[in-house]
């Protein structure tokens, strides 16, 4: 199905009102976009952060007249008239459109992460098949890539792994493909657990990956603990996460901005001897051994 897309630029305060009125006029979806490349990090629980100048994009079915929508919006919001953009969105196979941007990736010369039908079968490597979905984690973002690089650079043979905040399950699946004995995947989002199970099935490792909501997870000590979430929950959960690691076991933390690294290190200092931090773009990986 094809669509009319109408976009306006407005303020942080007005954006929710603009979005609500688009919906009132028949928009089938409304999306907020950054108008000025302004980073927004770590909202508080229950908070929805948007940008100081926000683009509001609305999709309408073709039986809706764009000029009528513009007239009604201009009548209600006097300041958005000069910011209008219109685009006709052609019908396409949306579930495959991401293929233009997602290609096979190799980590530490041992691990390939590939979309379906682009799997690499290079001798001496393993291949993880993963397609973008509703849970975070494909390997393209630096936070995930940093963890995959660590996994592919270390001997996981026979080890027990906990992936805390598993998202798509990419780290748990990678760990098993790289030799781990079993991986336990924990996430607060049931959708993430579904994605993890599906990706484990796709890679033929479902019998070695166990999925849990936090309230269903019984803590135990593992050889390797991975937590690719965000700095604040990493700090808040430092005692709980640190308690999951065996003596001399490995902890790998990601989802940390460069300016947040010192605070995360401080939270774990009594439990973990950290190696030098590793940075990719604005993001840091912290890894170390349990004291």
Protein backbone atom coordinates (compact mmCIF):
# COMPACT_ATOMS: atom_id res chain seq x y z
CA UNK A 1 0.00 0.00 0.00
CA UNK A 2 1.23 3.53 -0.80
CA UNK A 3 0.93 6.51 1.52
CA UNK A 4 0.92 10.28 1.84
CA UNK A 5 3.62 11.41 4.31
CA UNK A 6 3.31 14.87 5.84
CA UNK A 7 6.13 16.26 7.98
CA UNK A 8 6.32 19.41 10.07
CA UNK A 9 9.02 20.77 12.38
CA UNK A 10 7.93 22.09 15.73
CA UNK A 11 9.09 22.52 19.32
CA UNK A 12 9.51 19.89 22.01
CA UNK A 13 6.50 21.31 23.84
CA UNK A 14 4.21 21.39 20.80
CA UNK A 15 5.21 18.08 19.20
CA UNK A 16 2.84 15.85 21.25
CA UNK A 17 -0.09 18.20 20.49
CA UNK A 18 0.78 18.21 16.77
CA UNK A 19 1.03 14.42 16.77
CA UNK A 20 -2.32 14.09 18.56
CA UNK A 21 -4.05 16.33 16.01
CA UNK A 22 -2.52 14.42 13.09
CA UNK A 23 -4.06 11.28 14.59
CA UNK A 24 -7.38 13.07 15.03
CA UNK A 25 -7.31 13.92 11.31
CA UNK A 26 -6.82 10.28 10.34
CA UNK A 27 -3.08 9.57 10.40
CA UNK A 28 -2.40 5.82 10.55
CA UNK A 29 0.98 6.42 12.21
CA UNK A 30 2.89 9.35 13.69
CA UNK A 31 6.65 9.38 14.28
CA UNK A 32 8.99 11.80 16.07
CA UNK A 33 12.32 12.53 14.37
CA UNK A 34 15.30 14.66 15.39
CA UNK A 35 15.33 17.91 13.40
CA UNK A 36 18.87 19.02 14.33
CA UNK A 37 21.02 15.98 15.21
CA UNK A 38 20.56 16.55 18.96
CA UNK A 39 21.40 13.49 21.09
CA UNK A 40 18.86 12.32 23.66
CA UNK A 41 20.04 9.76 26.22
CA UNK A 42 18.56 7.70 29.03
CA UNK A 43 15.07 8.95 29.87
CA UNK A 44 13.85 8.35 33.40
CA UNK A 45 11.28 5.61 33.97
CA UNK A 46 7.96 6.78 32.55
CA UNK A 47 9.56 9.72 30.73
CA UNK A 48 9.47 10.18 26.95
CA UNK A 49 12.26 12.46 25.79
CA UNK A 50 12.08 14.21 22.44
CA UNK A 51 14.20 16.87 20.83
CA UNK A 52 14.17 20.65 21.26
CA UNK A 53 13.25 20.90 17.58
CA UNK A 54 11.30 17.84 16.52
CA UNK A 55 10.04 16.64 13.16
CA UNK A 56 6.62 15.07 13.37
CA UNK A 57 5.98 12.65 10.48
CA UNK A 58 2.44 11.46 9.78
CA UNK A 59 1.32 8.77 7.31
CA UNK A 60 -2.10 8.98 5.68
CA UNK A 61 -3.94 6.63 3.37
CA UNK A 62 -4.36 7.79 -0.23
CA UNK A 63 -8.04 8.60 0.19
CA UNK A 64 -7.04 11.48 2.50
CA UNK A 65 -6.39 14.81 0.77
CA UNK A 66 -3.03 16.24 1.97
CA UNK A 67 -4.06 19.86 1.34
CA UNK A 68 -7.09 19.40 3.58
CA UNK A 69 -4.86 18.07 6.37
CA UNK A 70 -2.45 20.99 5.93
CA UNK A 71 -5.30 23.51 6.08
CA UNK A 72 -6.68 22.01 9.27
CA UNK A 73 -3.24 21.80 10.89
CA UNK A 74 -2.36 25.39 9.93
CA UNK A 75 -5.64 26.58 11.39
CA UNK A 76 -4.81 24.99 14.75
CA UNK A 77 -1.03 25.56 14.80
CA UNK A 78 -0.15 28.93 13.32
CA UNK A 79 3.64 28.48 13.55
CA UNK A 80 4.13 25.33 11.48
CA UNK A 81 3.04 26.61 8.08
CA UNK A 82 6.53 27.20 6.69
CA UNK A 83 7.94 23.84 7.77
CA UNK A 84 5.70 21.53 5.74
CA UNK A 85 7.19 18.69 3.73
CA UNK A 86 5.22 16.27 1.59
CA UNK A 87 6.33 12.90 0.22
CA UNK A 88 4.51 10.15 -1.64
CA UNK A 89 5.65 6.83 -0.14
CA UNK A 90 5.63 4.01 -2.66
CA UNK A 91 4.50 0.56 -1.67
CA UNK A 92 7.41 -1.83 -1.07
CA UNK A 93 8.35 -4.98 0.76
CA UNK A 94 9.05 -3.21 4.06
CA UNK A 95 10.22 -6.38 5.80
CA UNK A 96 13.11 -6.58 3.31
CA UNK A 97 13.82 -2.85 2.89
CA UNK A 98 16.44 -2.95 5.67
CA UNK A 99 18.60 -5.21 3.49
CA UNK A 100 20.01 -2.15 1.75
CA UNK A 101 21.68 -1.11 5.02
CA UNK A 102 22.42 -4.42 6.75
CA UNK A 103 25.25 -6.57 5.42
CA UNK A 104 27.47 -9.39 6.76
CA UNK A 105 29.81 -8.27 9.55
CA UNK A 106 32.91 -10.05 10.86
CA UNK A 107 34.25 -9.84 14.41
CA UNK A 108 37.78 -10.80 15.49
CA UNK A 109 38.22 -13.04 12.43
CA UNK A 110 36.05 -15.71 14.12
CA UNK A 111 32.43 -14.60 14.07
CA UNK A 112 30.19 -13.58 11.18
CA UNK A 113 26.82 -11.91 11.81
CA UNK A 114 24.76 -12.10 8.63
CA UNK A 115 21.22 -11.49 7.39
CA UNK A 116 19.28 -14.40 5.99
CA UNK A 117 20.51 -15.56 2.57
CA UNK A 118 23.85 -13.75 3.01
CA UNK A 119 25.47 -16.25 5.38
CA UNK A 120 29.26 -16.59 5.20
CA UNK A 121 30.78 -20.08 5.45
CA UNK A 122 34.45 -19.21 5.81
CA UNK A 123 36.72 -21.89 7.25
CA UNK A 124 37.68 -21.24 10.85
CA UNK A 125 34.69 -19.02 11.55
CA UNK A 126 31.13 -19.43 12.81
CA UNK A 127 28.14 -17.65 11.30
CA UNK A 128 25.23 -16.16 13.24
CA UNK A 129 22.13 -15.53 11.13
CA UNK A 130 20.09 -12.59 12.36
CA UNK A 131 17.52 -10.29 10.79
CA UNK A 132 16.45 -6.94 12.29
CA UNK A 133 13.35 -7.23 14.43
CA UNK A 134 11.48 -5.52 17.23
CA UNK A 135 14.14 -6.25 19.88
CA UNK A 136 17.41 -4.31 19.98
CA UNK A 137 20.62 -5.90 18.74
CA UNK A 138 21.89 -6.74 15.25
CA UNK A 139 25.59 -5.97 15.66
CA UNK A 140 25.45 -2.73 13.69
CA UNK A 141 25.39 -0.47 16.77
CA UNK A 142 28.73 0.11 18.53
CA UNK A 143 27.42 -1.13 21.89
CA UNK A 144 26.58 -4.54 20.45
CA UNK A 145 29.61 -4.66 18.16
CA UNK A 146 31.94 -4.08 21.12
CA UNK A 147 30.44 -7.06 22.94
CA UNK A 148 30.60 -9.29 19.87
CA UNK A 149 34.25 -8.36 19.41
CA UNK A 150 34.99 -9.40 22.99
CA UNK A 151 33.13 -12.70 22.61
CA UNK A 152 34.94 -13.55 19.38
CA UNK A 153 38.31 -12.68 20.93
CA UNK A 154 38.01 -14.96 23.97
CA UNK A 155 37.87 -18.70 24.58
CA UNK A 156 34.33 -19.56 25.66
CA UNK A 157 34.67 -23.32 25.39
CA UNK A 158 32.47 -25.06 27.95
CA UNK A 159 31.60 -21.83 29.80
CA UNK A 160 28.30 -20.75 31.31
CA UNK A 161 27.07 -17.33 30.17
CA UNK A 162 24.45 -14.89 31.46
CA UNK A 163 23.21 -12.26 28.99
CA UNK A 164 21.55 -9.66 31.21
CA UNK A 165 19.33 -7.45 29.08
CA UNK A 166 19.43 -9.82 26.13
CA UNK A 167 17.37 -7.83 23.59
CA UNK A 168 17.43 -9.86 20.36
CA UNK A 169 19.57 -12.55 22.00
CA UNK A 170 22.48 -11.87 19.66
CA UNK A 171 25.10 -12.10 22.42
CA UNK A 172 23.70 -15.30 23.92
CA UNK A 173 23.51 -16.95 20.48
CA UNK A 174 27.02 -15.77 19.58
CA UNK A 175 28.40 -17.16 22.84
CA UNK A 176 26.95 -20.61 22.13
CA UNK A 177 28.20 -20.63 18.53
CA UNK A 178 31.65 -19.71 19.86
CA UNK A 179 31.73 -22.68 22.23
CA UNK A 180 29.88 -21.77 25.42
CA UNK A 181 28.07 -24.66 27.11
CA UNK A 182 24.86 -22.80 27.99
CA UNK A 183 23.55 -19.22 27.98
CA UNK A 184 20.88 -17.74 30.23
CA UNK A 185 19.11 -14.72 28.68
CA UNK A 186 17.32 -12.22 30.93
CA UNK A 187 15.22 -9.22 29.86
CA UNK A 188 12.37 -7.13 31.26
CA UNK A 189 10.63 -7.14 27.86
CA UNK A 190 8.71 -10.34 26.95
CA UNK A 191 9.13 -9.39 23.29
CA UNK A 192 12.90 -9.58 23.72
CA UNK A 193 12.60 -13.10 25.11
CA UNK A 194 10.48 -14.10 22.13
CA UNK A 195 13.08 -12.64 19.77
CA UNK A 196 15.88 -14.43 21.63
CA UNK A 197 14.07 -17.77 21.41
CA UNK A 198 13.35 -17.25 17.69
CA UNK A 199 16.96 -16.34 16.94
CA UNK A 200 18.19 -19.34 18.94
CA UNK A 201 15.93 -21.57 16.84
CA UNK A 202 17.15 -19.95 13.62
CA UNK A 203 20.75 -20.71 14.61
CA UNK A 204 20.03 -24.23 15.89
CA UNK A 205 21.07 -23.50 19.47
CA UNK A 206 17.68 -23.28 21.20
CA UNK A 207 18.49 -26.26 23.43
CA UNK A 208 21.40 -24.32 24.97
CA UNK A 209 19.69 -20.95 25.61
CA UNK A 210 17.22 -20.39 28.46
CA UNK A 211 15.11 -17.20 28.63
CA UNK A 212 13.74 -15.45 31.71
CA UNK A 213 11.96 -12.34 32.88
CA UNK A 214 13.91 -10.95 35.88
CA UNK A 215 11.27 -12.14 38.35
CA UNK A 216 11.58 -15.67 37.01
CA UNK A 217 15.38 -15.77 37.04
CA UNK A 218 17.06 -17.48 39.99
CA UNK A 219 20.50 -15.88 40.41
CA UNK A 220 23.56 -18.12 40.19
CA UNK A 221 27.24 -17.65 39.40
CA UNK A 222 28.33 -17.89 35.75
CA UNK A 223 31.72 -17.87 34.06
CA UNK A 224 30.81 -14.90 31.85
CA UNK A 225 28.23 -12.16 32.47
CA UNK A 226 27.29 -9.78 29.66
CA UNK A 227 25.19 -6.65 30.24
CA UNK A 228 24.64 -4.40 27.23
CA UNK A 229 22.05 -2.01 28.63
CA UNK A 230 22.63 1.62 29.75
CA UNK A 231 24.87 3.29 32.29
CA UNK A 232 22.21 4.11 34.89
CA UNK A 233 20.75 0.59 35.19
CA UNK A 234 24.29 -0.82 35.10
CA UNK A 235 25.14 1.35 38.11
CA UNK A 236 21.85 0.67 39.91
CA UNK A 237 22.25 -3.09 39.39
CA UNK A 238 25.99 -3.26 40.09
CA UNK A 239 25.66 -5.33 43.25
CA UNK A 240 23.24 -7.79 41.65
CA UNK A 241 25.20 -8.13 38.41
CA UNK A 242 28.54 -8.44 40.18
CA UNK A 243 27.14 -11.24 42.36
CA UNK A 244 26.41 -13.33 39.24
CA UNK A 245 30.11 -13.88 38.38
CA UNK A 246 32.33 -16.70 39.63
CA UNK A 247 35.70 -15.82 41.13
CA UNK A 248 38.04 -14.80 38.28
CA UNK A 249 35.05 -14.89 35.92
CA UNK A 250 34.50 -12.28 33.20
CA UNK A 251 32.19 -9.28 33.22
CA UNK A 252 31.45 -7.38 29.99
CA UNK A 253 29.51 -4.12 30.20
CA UNK A 254 28.32 -1.99 27.29
CA UNK A 255 25.76 0.71 26.48
CA UNK A 256 28.02 3.25 28.19
CA UNK A 257 28.85 6.69 26.81
CA UNK A 258 32.46 7.83 27.17
CA UNK A 259 31.59 10.44 29.78
CA UNK A 260 29.73 7.82 31.87
CA UNK A 261 32.52 5.25 32.05
CA UNK A 262 34.15 6.52 35.25
CA UNK A 263 30.84 6.35 37.13
CA UNK A 264 30.24 2.76 36.00
CA UNK A 265 33.80 1.72 36.92
CA UNK A 266 33.35 3.27 40.36
CA UNK A 267 30.12 1.32 40.93
CA UNK A 268 31.90 -2.01 40.27
CA UNK A 269 35.34 -1.13 41.70
CA UNK A 270 35.04 -3.32 44.79
CA UNK A 271 34.12 -6.38 42.73
CA UNK A 272 35.88 -6.11 39.37
CA UNK A 273 39.42 -5.55 38.10
CA UNK A 274 38.78 -3.77 34.81
CA UNK A 275 40.98 -3.93 31.73
CA UNK A 276 41.57 -0.67 29.81
CA UNK A 277 38.31 0.64 28.40
CA UNK A 278 37.61 0.08 24.70
CA UNK A 279 35.88 2.79 22.68
CA UNK A 280 33.96 2.79 19.40
CA UNK A 281 32.54 6.13 18.33
CA UNK A 282 31.00 7.65 21.50
CA UNK A 283 30.51 4.29 23.23
CA UNK A 284 32.63 2.38 25.73
CA UNK A 285 33.01 -1.29 26.57
CA UNK A 286 34.22 -2.19 30.04
CA UNK A 287 35.41 -5.71 30.70
CA UNK A 288 37.27 -7.25 33.59
CA UNK A 289 37.62 -10.16 36.01
CA UNK A 290 35.79 -10.80 39.27
CA UNK A 291 38.13 -10.27 42.21
